[in-house]
């Protein structure tokens, strides 16, 4: 996993790598952007979890537009935006964001799929993991996991002065 801000146009707004990793860890959702089977762009907001290494996991139904898009074009982009702060009197917005270049994989083995579900439970339902694990086991047959293998990511931010 390479953190590379060389292509960021506004070099004065670079997000330090440590803050980019923090956003990757704590972000609530991201936008998965793909090329749909009909050749058109397709982006969709999804919950996700990062394995703290080089993989992001997303859960979904075992069929649908995301999966058919990935089958035809495995190279995808994933964007996470942190908390924003609009400054109406300054005509601007404060933000942190990262853009991740990935290869998307489906058809993972059962162990990796269950690991992904456990990681998702730890992130989104930390106080309900026991019940969540039973639910995951019960619905396992109707759950697909998308693995985004991170190749490179970059980060950008705009910090607003404190009022």
N, C-alpha and C. Protein backbone atom coordinates (compact mmCIF):
# COMPACT_ATOMS: atom_id res chain seq x y z
N UNK A 1 0.86 -1.17 0.00
CA UNK A 1 0.00 0.00 0.00
C UNK A 1 0.90 1.23 0.00
N UNK A 2 0.77 2.04 -1.03
CA UNK A 2 1.64 3.19 -1.20
C UNK A 2 0.84 4.48 -1.00
N UNK A 3 1.35 5.34 -0.14
CA UNK A 3 0.74 6.66 0.03
C UNK A 3 1.49 7.61 -0.89
N UNK A 4 0.79 8.14 -1.88
CA UNK A 4 1.43 8.94 -2.91
C UNK A 4 0.60 10.18 -3.21
N UNK A 5 1.10 11.32 -2.81
CA UNK A 5 0.40 12.59 -3.06
C UNK A 5 0.98 13.37 -4.23
N UNK A 6 1.81 12.73 -5.04
CA UNK A 6 2.46 13.45 -6.15
C UNK A 6 1.47 14.03 -7.15
N UNK A 7 0.34 13.35 -7.38
CA UNK A 7 -0.63 13.81 -8.38
C UNK A 7 -1.64 14.80 -7.83
N UNK A 8 -1.58 15.11 -6.53
CA UNK A 8 -2.52 16.07 -5.95
C UNK A 8 -2.13 17.46 -6.46
N UNK A 9 -3.07 18.12 -7.11
CA UNK A 9 -2.79 19.43 -7.70
C UNK A 9 -2.43 20.47 -6.65
N UNK A 10 -3.21 20.55 -5.59
CA UNK A 10 -2.98 21.55 -4.54
C UNK A 10 -2.03 20.98 -3.51
N UNK A 11 -0.75 21.07 -3.76
CA UNK A 11 0.26 20.53 -2.86
C UNK A 11 0.24 21.22 -1.49
N UNK A 12 -0.39 22.40 -1.41
CA UNK A 12 -0.50 23.08 -0.12
C UNK A 12 -1.61 22.50 0.74
N UNK A 13 -2.36 21.54 0.21
CA UNK A 13 -3.46 20.93 0.95
C UNK A 13 -3.26 19.44 1.20
N UNK A 14 -2.04 19.00 1.19
CA UNK A 14 -1.79 17.57 1.39
C UNK A 14 -2.17 17.14 2.79
N UNK A 15 -2.78 15.97 2.87
CA UNK A 15 -3.13 15.36 4.14
C UNK A 15 -1.97 14.46 4.55
N UNK A 16 -1.43 14.65 5.76
CA UNK A 16 -0.34 13.77 6.19
C UNK A 16 -0.79 12.30 6.19
N UNK A 17 0.13 11.40 5.92
CA UNK A 17 -0.19 9.98 5.82
C UNK A 17 -0.85 9.45 7.09
N UNK A 18 -0.40 9.90 8.25
CA UNK A 18 -0.99 9.42 9.50
C UNK A 18 -2.47 9.81 9.60
N UNK A 19 -2.81 11.00 9.15
CA UNK A 19 -4.22 11.43 9.17
C UNK A 19 -5.03 10.70 8.10
N UNK A 20 -4.39 10.39 6.98
CA UNK A 20 -5.08 9.63 5.93
C UNK A 20 -5.42 8.23 6.44
N UNK A 21 -4.48 7.60 7.13
CA UNK A 21 -4.73 6.27 7.70
C UNK A 21 -5.80 6.33 8.79
N UNK A 22 -5.80 7.39 9.57
CA UNK A 22 -6.83 7.56 10.60
C UNK A 22 -8.21 7.67 9.96
N UNK A 23 -8.31 8.43 8.88
CA UNK A 23 -9.58 8.56 8.17
C UNK A 23 -10.00 7.22 7.56
N UNK A 24 -9.05 6.49 7.00
CA UNK A 24 -9.34 5.16 6.45
C UNK A 24 -9.88 4.23 7.55
N UNK A 25 -9.32 4.34 8.73
CA UNK A 25 -9.74 3.49 9.86
C UNK A 25 -11.12 3.88 10.39
N UNK A 26 -11.39 5.17 10.50
CA UNK A 26 -12.59 5.62 11.23
C UNK A 26 -13.73 6.11 10.35
N UNK A 27 -13.49 6.27 9.05
CA UNK A 27 -14.55 6.78 8.18
C UNK A 27 -15.82 5.93 8.28
N UNK A 28 -16.94 6.59 8.19
CA UNK A 28 -18.22 5.89 8.32
C UNK A 28 -18.61 5.15 7.04
N UNK A 29 -18.35 5.77 5.91
CA UNK A 29 -18.69 5.16 4.62
C UNK A 29 -17.75 5.71 3.56
N UNK A 30 -17.75 5.07 2.42
CA UNK A 30 -16.97 5.53 1.27
C UNK A 30 -17.80 5.40 0.02
N UNK A 31 -17.34 6.03 -1.04
CA UNK A 31 -18.00 5.93 -2.34
C UNK A 31 -17.16 5.00 -3.21
N UNK A 32 -17.75 3.89 -3.60
CA UNK A 32 -17.11 2.93 -4.49
C UNK A 32 -17.48 3.31 -5.92
N UNK A 33 -16.47 3.64 -6.73
CA UNK A 33 -16.70 4.06 -8.11
C UNK A 33 -16.15 3.00 -9.06
N UNK A 34 -16.99 2.64 -10.02
CA UNK A 34 -16.68 1.55 -10.94
C UNK A 34 -17.16 1.91 -12.34
N UNK A 35 -16.89 1.03 -13.27
CA UNK A 35 -17.48 1.12 -14.60
C UNK A 35 -18.54 0.03 -14.66
N UNK A 36 -19.77 0.42 -14.92
CA UNK A 36 -20.88 -0.54 -14.98
C UNK A 36 -20.77 -1.39 -16.24
N UNK A 37 -21.46 -2.54 -16.26
CA UNK A 37 -21.39 -3.40 -17.43
C UNK A 37 -21.78 -2.71 -18.74
N UNK A 38 -22.62 -1.67 -18.67
CA UNK A 38 -23.01 -0.95 -19.89
C UNK A 38 -21.98 0.10 -20.29
N UNK A 39 -20.87 0.20 -19.54
CA UNK A 39 -19.82 1.14 -19.87
C UNK A 39 -19.94 2.50 -19.21
N UNK A 40 -21.02 2.72 -18.52
CA UNK A 40 -21.23 4.00 -17.84
C UNK A 40 -20.58 4.00 -16.46
N UNK A 41 -20.22 5.18 -15.95
CA UNK A 41 -19.68 5.25 -14.59
C UNK A 41 -20.76 4.91 -13.57
N UNK A 42 -20.34 4.33 -12.47
CA UNK A 42 -21.28 3.92 -11.42
C UNK A 42 -20.59 4.09 -10.08
N UNK A 43 -21.15 4.93 -9.24
CA UNK A 43 -20.62 5.14 -7.90
C UNK A 43 -21.71 4.93 -6.88
N UNK A 44 -21.37 4.32 -5.75
CA UNK A 44 -22.37 4.01 -4.73
C UNK A 44 -21.75 4.12 -3.34
N UNK A 45 -22.47 4.75 -2.40
CA UNK A 45 -21.95 4.81 -1.03
C UNK A 45 -22.10 3.46 -0.34
N UNK A 46 -21.06 3.05 0.38
CA UNK A 46 -21.07 1.76 1.07
C UNK A 46 -20.35 1.87 2.41
N UNK A 47 -20.79 1.07 3.37
CA UNK A 47 -20.02 0.88 4.60
C UNK A 47 -18.84 -0.01 4.26
N UNK A 48 -17.77 0.11 5.04
CA UNK A 48 -16.56 -0.65 4.74
C UNK A 48 -15.76 -0.84 6.02
N UNK A 49 -14.78 -1.69 5.94
CA UNK A 49 -13.83 -1.83 7.03
C UNK A 49 -12.45 -2.05 6.42
N UNK A 50 -11.45 -1.46 7.04
CA UNK A 50 -10.06 -1.60 6.61
C UNK A 50 -9.38 -2.62 7.53
N UNK A 51 -8.59 -3.52 6.97
CA UNK A 51 -7.92 -4.54 7.77
C UNK A 51 -6.61 -4.06 8.40
N UNK A 52 -6.32 -2.77 8.29
CA UNK A 52 -5.10 -2.13 8.81
C UNK A 52 -3.85 -2.60 8.07
N UNK A 53 -4.07 -3.18 6.92
CA UNK A 53 -2.95 -3.61 6.09
C UNK A 53 -3.19 -3.06 4.68
N UNK A 54 -3.59 -3.91 3.75
CA UNK A 54 -3.80 -3.43 2.38
C UNK A 54 -5.14 -3.86 1.78
N UNK A 55 -6.12 -4.13 2.65
CA UNK A 55 -7.43 -4.56 2.16
C UNK A 55 -8.56 -3.78 2.82
N UNK A 56 -9.57 -3.53 2.03
CA UNK A 56 -10.82 -2.94 2.48
C UNK A 56 -11.90 -3.96 2.15
N UNK A 57 -12.82 -4.20 3.09
CA UNK A 57 -13.91 -5.15 2.86
C UNK A 57 -15.25 -4.42 2.86
N UNK A 58 -16.10 -4.87 1.95
CA UNK A 58 -17.46 -4.34 1.79
C UNK A 58 -18.39 -5.55 1.71
N UNK A 59 -19.52 -5.48 2.39
CA UNK A 59 -20.49 -6.58 2.26
C UNK A 59 -21.63 -6.15 1.35
N UNK A 60 -22.23 -7.12 0.70
CA UNK A 60 -23.36 -6.83 -0.19
C UNK A 60 -24.14 -8.13 -0.43
N UNK A 61 -25.19 -8.00 -1.21
CA UNK A 61 -25.97 -9.18 -1.61
C UNK A 61 -25.14 -10.00 -2.60
N UNK A 62 -25.48 -11.29 -2.77
CA UNK A 62 -24.69 -12.15 -3.65
C UNK A 62 -24.90 -11.89 -5.15
N UNK A 63 -25.72 -10.91 -5.50
CA UNK A 63 -25.85 -10.53 -6.91
C UNK A 63 -26.24 -9.06 -6.96
N UNK A 64 -25.94 -8.43 -8.08
CA UNK A 64 -26.30 -7.04 -8.24
C UNK A 64 -25.30 -6.29 -9.11
N UNK A 65 -25.56 -5.00 -9.26
CA UNK A 65 -24.79 -4.16 -10.17
C UNK A 65 -23.32 -4.03 -9.75
N UNK A 66 -23.06 -3.95 -8.44
CA UNK A 66 -21.67 -3.86 -7.98
C UNK A 66 -20.88 -5.07 -8.45
N UNK A 67 -21.43 -6.24 -8.23
CA UNK A 67 -20.71 -7.47 -8.56
C UNK A 67 -20.54 -7.65 -10.08
N UNK A 68 -21.59 -7.35 -10.83
CA UNK A 68 -21.45 -7.49 -12.29
C UNK A 68 -20.48 -6.45 -12.84
N UNK A 69 -20.41 -5.28 -12.21
CA UNK A 69 -19.43 -4.27 -12.64
C UNK A 69 -18.01 -4.74 -12.37
N UNK A 70 -17.79 -5.29 -11.18
CA UNK A 70 -16.46 -5.77 -10.79
C UNK A 70 -16.01 -6.94 -11.68
N UNK A 71 -16.95 -7.80 -12.04
CA UNK A 71 -16.60 -8.93 -12.92
C UNK A 71 -16.06 -8.45 -14.27
N UNK A 72 -16.57 -7.32 -14.75
CA UNK A 72 -16.12 -6.81 -16.05
C UNK A 72 -14.91 -5.88 -15.94
N UNK A 73 -14.82 -5.12 -14.85
CA UNK A 73 -13.74 -4.15 -14.67
C UNK A 73 -13.32 -4.16 -13.20
N UNK A 74 -12.25 -4.84 -12.90
CA UNK A 74 -11.86 -5.00 -11.49
C UNK A 74 -11.14 -3.79 -10.90
N UNK A 75 -10.68 -2.87 -11.75
CA UNK A 75 -10.01 -1.68 -11.23
C UNK A 75 -11.08 -0.67 -10.80
N UNK A 76 -11.02 -0.25 -9.54
CA UNK A 76 -12.04 0.64 -8.98
C UNK A 76 -11.35 1.76 -8.19
N UNK A 77 -12.15 2.74 -7.84
CA UNK A 77 -11.69 3.83 -7.00
C UNK A 77 -12.60 3.88 -5.77
N UNK A 78 -12.01 4.22 -4.63
CA UNK A 78 -12.78 4.32 -3.39
C UNK A 78 -12.42 5.65 -2.74
N UNK A 79 -13.43 6.43 -2.42
CA UNK A 79 -13.23 7.76 -1.85
C UNK A 79 -13.88 7.84 -0.48
N UNK A 80 -13.15 8.36 0.48
CA UNK A 80 -13.68 8.56 1.84
C UNK A 80 -13.54 10.03 2.18
N UNK A 81 -14.61 10.60 2.67
CA UNK A 81 -14.61 12.01 3.09
C UNK A 81 -14.88 12.05 4.58
N UNK A 82 -14.01 12.73 5.30
CA UNK A 82 -14.20 12.89 6.74
C UNK A 82 -15.18 14.01 7.01
N UNK A 83 -15.27 14.39 8.25
CA UNK A 83 -16.18 15.47 8.66
C UNK A 83 -15.89 16.73 7.86
N UNK A 84 -16.94 17.36 7.38
CA UNK A 84 -16.80 18.62 6.66
C UNK A 84 -17.32 19.77 7.51
N UNK A 85 -16.86 20.96 7.20
CA UNK A 85 -17.28 22.14 7.94
C UNK A 85 -17.45 23.28 6.94
N UNK A 86 -18.70 23.65 6.70
CA UNK A 86 -18.98 24.71 5.74
C UNK A 86 -18.79 26.07 6.41
N UNK A 87 -18.10 26.95 5.73
CA UNK A 87 -17.89 28.32 6.20
C UNK A 87 -18.60 29.25 5.22
N UNK A 88 -19.91 29.49 5.42
CA UNK A 88 -20.69 30.26 4.45
C UNK A 88 -20.13 31.67 4.20
N UNK A 89 -19.61 32.29 5.25
CA UNK A 89 -19.09 33.65 5.11
C UNK A 89 -17.75 33.70 4.37
N UNK A 90 -17.09 32.55 4.25
CA UNK A 90 -15.80 32.47 3.54
C UNK A 90 -15.97 31.80 2.17
N UNK A 91 -17.18 31.30 1.88
CA UNK A 91 -17.50 30.65 0.61
C UNK A 91 -16.60 29.44 0.35
N UNK A 92 -16.43 28.65 1.40
CA UNK A 92 -15.57 27.48 1.29
C UNK A 92 -16.01 26.39 2.27
N UNK A 93 -15.35 25.27 2.20
CA UNK A 93 -15.63 24.13 3.07
C UNK A 93 -14.32 23.55 3.56
N UNK A 94 -14.27 23.25 4.85
CA UNK A 94 -13.14 22.52 5.41
C UNK A 94 -13.43 21.04 5.30
N UNK A 95 -12.40 20.24 5.02
CA UNK A 95 -12.61 18.81 4.82
C UNK A 95 -11.29 18.05 4.92
N UNK A 96 -11.42 16.73 5.00
CA UNK A 96 -10.34 15.77 4.81
C UNK A 96 -10.89 14.69 3.91
N UNK A 97 -10.10 14.25 2.95
CA UNK A 97 -10.57 13.17 2.07
C UNK A 97 -9.38 12.36 1.58
N UNK A 98 -9.69 11.12 1.24
CA UNK A 98 -8.69 10.26 0.62
C UNK A 98 -9.31 9.57 -0.59
N UNK A 99 -8.47 9.33 -1.58
CA UNK A 99 -8.88 8.59 -2.77
C UNK A 99 -7.94 7.40 -2.90
N UNK A 100 -8.54 6.24 -3.10
CA UNK A 100 -7.79 4.98 -3.08
C UNK A 100 -7.96 4.27 -4.42
N UNK A 101 -6.84 3.90 -5.04
CA UNK A 101 -6.86 3.08 -6.25
C UNK A 101 -6.80 1.62 -5.81
N UNK A 102 -7.74 0.81 -6.31
CA UNK A 102 -7.85 -0.58 -5.84
C UNK A 102 -8.13 -1.54 -6.98
N UNK A 103 -7.88 -2.80 -6.69
CA UNK A 103 -8.39 -3.92 -7.48
C UNK A 103 -9.47 -4.58 -6.63
N UNK A 104 -10.62 -4.81 -7.22
CA UNK A 104 -11.73 -5.43 -6.49
C UNK A 104 -11.76 -6.92 -6.78
N UNK A 105 -11.99 -7.69 -5.72
CA UNK A 105 -12.04 -9.15 -5.84
C UNK A 105 -13.32 -9.67 -5.17
N UNK A 106 -13.93 -10.65 -5.80
CA UNK A 106 -15.08 -11.33 -5.21
C UNK A 106 -14.80 -12.83 -5.25
N UNK A 107 -15.70 -13.61 -4.67
CA UNK A 107 -15.50 -15.06 -4.64
C UNK A 107 -14.43 -15.47 -3.64
N UNK A 108 -14.36 -14.75 -2.53
CA UNK A 108 -13.36 -15.05 -1.50
C UNK A 108 -13.69 -16.37 -0.82
N UNK A 109 -12.69 -16.97 -0.20
CA UNK A 109 -12.97 -18.21 0.53
C UNK A 109 -13.77 -17.90 1.80
N UNK A 110 -14.37 -18.92 2.37
CA UNK A 110 -15.25 -18.74 3.53
C UNK A 110 -14.54 -18.10 4.72
N UNK A 111 -13.29 -18.47 4.96
CA UNK A 111 -12.56 -17.91 6.11
C UNK A 111 -12.36 -16.40 5.97
N UNK A 112 -11.99 -15.95 4.77
CA UNK A 112 -11.79 -14.51 4.57
C UNK A 112 -13.12 -13.76 4.63
N UNK A 113 -14.18 -14.38 4.10
CA UNK A 113 -15.50 -13.73 4.17
C UNK A 113 -15.95 -13.57 5.61
N UNK A 114 -15.76 -14.60 6.44
CA UNK A 114 -16.16 -14.51 7.84
C UNK A 114 -15.27 -13.51 8.59
N UNK A 115 -13.99 -13.47 8.28
CA UNK A 115 -13.10 -12.48 8.89
C UNK A 115 -13.60 -11.07 8.58
N UNK A 116 -13.98 -10.84 7.33
CA UNK A 116 -14.49 -9.52 6.93
C UNK A 116 -15.75 -9.16 7.72
N UNK A 117 -16.66 -10.12 7.89
CA UNK A 117 -17.88 -9.85 8.65
C UNK A 117 -17.55 -9.55 10.12
N UNK A 118 -16.59 -10.25 10.69
CA UNK A 118 -16.18 -9.98 12.08
C UNK A 118 -15.58 -8.58 12.20
N UNK A 119 -14.76 -8.19 11.23
CA UNK A 119 -14.18 -6.85 11.25
C UNK A 119 -15.26 -5.77 11.12
N UNK A 120 -16.25 -6.03 10.27
CA UNK A 120 -17.36 -5.09 10.12
C UNK A 120 -18.15 -4.97 11.43
N UNK A 121 -18.37 -6.10 12.10
CA UNK A 121 -19.06 -6.07 13.39
C UNK A 121 -18.26 -5.28 14.43
N UNK A 122 -16.96 -5.48 14.46
CA UNK A 122 -16.12 -4.75 15.41
C UNK A 122 -16.20 -3.25 15.17
N UNK A 123 -16.27 -2.86 13.92
CA UNK A 123 -16.30 -1.43 13.60
C UNK A 123 -17.67 -0.81 13.85
N UNK A 124 -18.73 -1.44 13.36
CA UNK A 124 -20.05 -0.82 13.37
C UNK A 124 -20.96 -1.26 14.51
N UNK A 125 -20.69 -2.39 15.14
CA UNK A 125 -21.53 -2.90 16.23
C UNK A 125 -20.68 -3.44 17.37
N UNK A 126 -19.76 -2.64 17.90
CA UNK A 126 -18.82 -3.18 18.90
C UNK A 126 -19.50 -3.68 20.17
N UNK A 127 -20.66 -3.16 20.51
CA UNK A 127 -21.36 -3.59 21.72
C UNK A 127 -22.33 -4.73 21.46
N UNK A 128 -22.40 -5.21 20.23
CA UNK A 128 -23.38 -6.25 19.88
C UNK A 128 -22.72 -7.36 19.07
N UNK A 129 -21.45 -7.62 19.33
CA UNK A 129 -20.71 -8.58 18.51
C UNK A 129 -21.22 -10.01 18.64
N UNK A 130 -21.62 -10.42 19.82
CA UNK A 130 -22.09 -11.79 20.01
C UNK A 130 -23.36 -12.04 19.19
N UNK A 131 -24.32 -11.15 19.30
CA UNK A 131 -25.56 -11.28 18.53
C UNK A 131 -25.26 -11.12 17.04
N UNK A 132 -24.39 -10.17 16.72
CA UNK A 132 -24.02 -9.92 15.33
C UNK A 132 -23.37 -11.12 14.68
N UNK A 133 -22.53 -11.82 15.42
CA UNK A 133 -21.87 -13.00 14.89
C UNK A 133 -22.88 -14.11 14.58
N UNK A 134 -23.87 -14.28 15.46
CA UNK A 134 -24.93 -15.26 15.19
C UNK A 134 -25.71 -14.88 13.93
N UNK A 135 -25.99 -13.58 13.81
CA UNK A 135 -26.70 -13.09 12.63
C UNK A 135 -25.87 -13.32 11.37
N UNK A 136 -24.57 -13.04 11.44
CA UNK A 136 -23.68 -13.23 10.29
C UNK A 136 -23.63 -14.69 9.88
N UNK A 137 -23.56 -15.58 10.86
CA UNK A 137 -23.52 -17.02 10.54
C UNK A 137 -24.82 -17.47 9.89
N UNK A 138 -25.95 -16.94 10.38
CA UNK A 138 -27.25 -17.31 9.86
C UNK A 138 -27.47 -16.80 8.42
N UNK A 139 -26.96 -15.61 8.14
CA UNK A 139 -27.18 -15.01 6.82
C UNK A 139 -25.96 -15.15 5.90
N UNK A 140 -24.99 -15.94 6.31
CA UNK A 140 -23.73 -16.08 5.57
C UNK A 140 -23.96 -16.49 4.12
N UNK A 141 -24.91 -17.38 3.89
CA UNK A 141 -25.17 -17.91 2.54
C UNK A 141 -25.71 -16.84 1.59
N UNK A 142 -26.26 -15.76 2.13
CA UNK A 142 -26.81 -14.72 1.28
C UNK A 142 -26.04 -13.40 1.39
N UNK A 143 -24.77 -13.53 1.74
CA UNK A 143 -23.90 -12.37 1.88
C UNK A 143 -22.65 -12.57 1.03
N UNK A 144 -22.35 -11.57 0.22
CA UNK A 144 -21.10 -11.57 -0.55
C UNK A 144 -20.17 -10.53 0.06
N UNK A 145 -18.90 -10.75 -0.07
CA UNK A 145 -17.90 -9.81 0.41
C UNK A 145 -17.06 -9.38 -0.78
N UNK A 146 -16.89 -8.08 -0.91
CA UNK A 146 -15.98 -7.52 -1.91
C UNK A 146 -14.70 -7.14 -1.18
N UNK A 147 -13.59 -7.56 -1.71
CA UNK A 147 -12.28 -7.20 -1.16
C UNK A 147 -11.65 -6.18 -2.11
N UNK A 148 -11.34 -5.02 -1.57
CA UNK A 148 -10.61 -4.02 -2.35
C UNK A 148 -9.14 -4.10 -1.95
N UNK A 149 -8.31 -4.51 -2.85
CA UNK A 149 -6.87 -4.57 -2.59
C UNK A 149 -6.29 -3.19 -2.91
N UNK A 150 -5.78 -2.52 -1.88
CA UNK A 150 -5.29 -1.16 -2.04
C UNK A 150 -3.92 -1.17 -2.74
N UNK A 151 -3.83 -0.39 -3.82
CA UNK A 151 -2.57 -0.25 -4.52
C UNK A 151 -1.89 1.07 -4.13
N UNK A 152 -2.69 2.12 -4.11
CA UNK A 152 -2.14 3.46 -3.85
C UNK A 152 -3.25 4.36 -3.34
N UNK A 153 -2.90 5.29 -2.46
CA UNK A 153 -3.90 6.25 -2.03
C UNK A 153 -3.26 7.60 -1.79
N UNK A 154 -4.10 8.62 -1.82
CA UNK A 154 -3.64 9.99 -1.59
C UNK A 154 -4.67 10.69 -0.72
N UNK A 155 -4.23 11.79 -0.12
CA UNK A 155 -5.13 12.51 0.77
C UNK A 155 -4.98 14.00 0.63
N UNK A 156 -6.09 14.67 0.87
CA UNK A 156 -6.14 16.11 0.72
C UNK A 156 -7.00 16.68 1.84
N UNK A 157 -6.73 17.90 2.24
CA UNK A 157 -7.54 18.53 3.28
C UNK A 157 -7.54 20.04 3.10
N UNK A 158 -8.53 20.65 3.67
CA UNK A 158 -8.57 22.10 3.79
C UNK A 158 -8.93 22.39 5.22
N UNK A 159 -8.01 23.03 5.91
CA UNK A 159 -8.23 23.37 7.31
C UNK A 159 -8.71 24.81 7.40
N UNK A 160 -9.82 24.99 8.09
CA UNK A 160 -10.35 26.33 8.29
C UNK A 160 -9.81 26.92 9.59
N UNK A 161 -9.56 28.21 9.60
CA UNK A 161 -9.12 28.83 10.86
C UNK A 161 -10.22 28.74 11.91
N UNK A 162 -9.82 28.59 13.15
CA UNK A 162 -10.80 28.54 14.25
C UNK A 162 -11.44 29.93 14.38
N UNK A 163 -12.76 29.96 14.59
CA UNK A 163 -13.45 31.25 14.71
C UNK A 163 -13.06 32.00 15.97
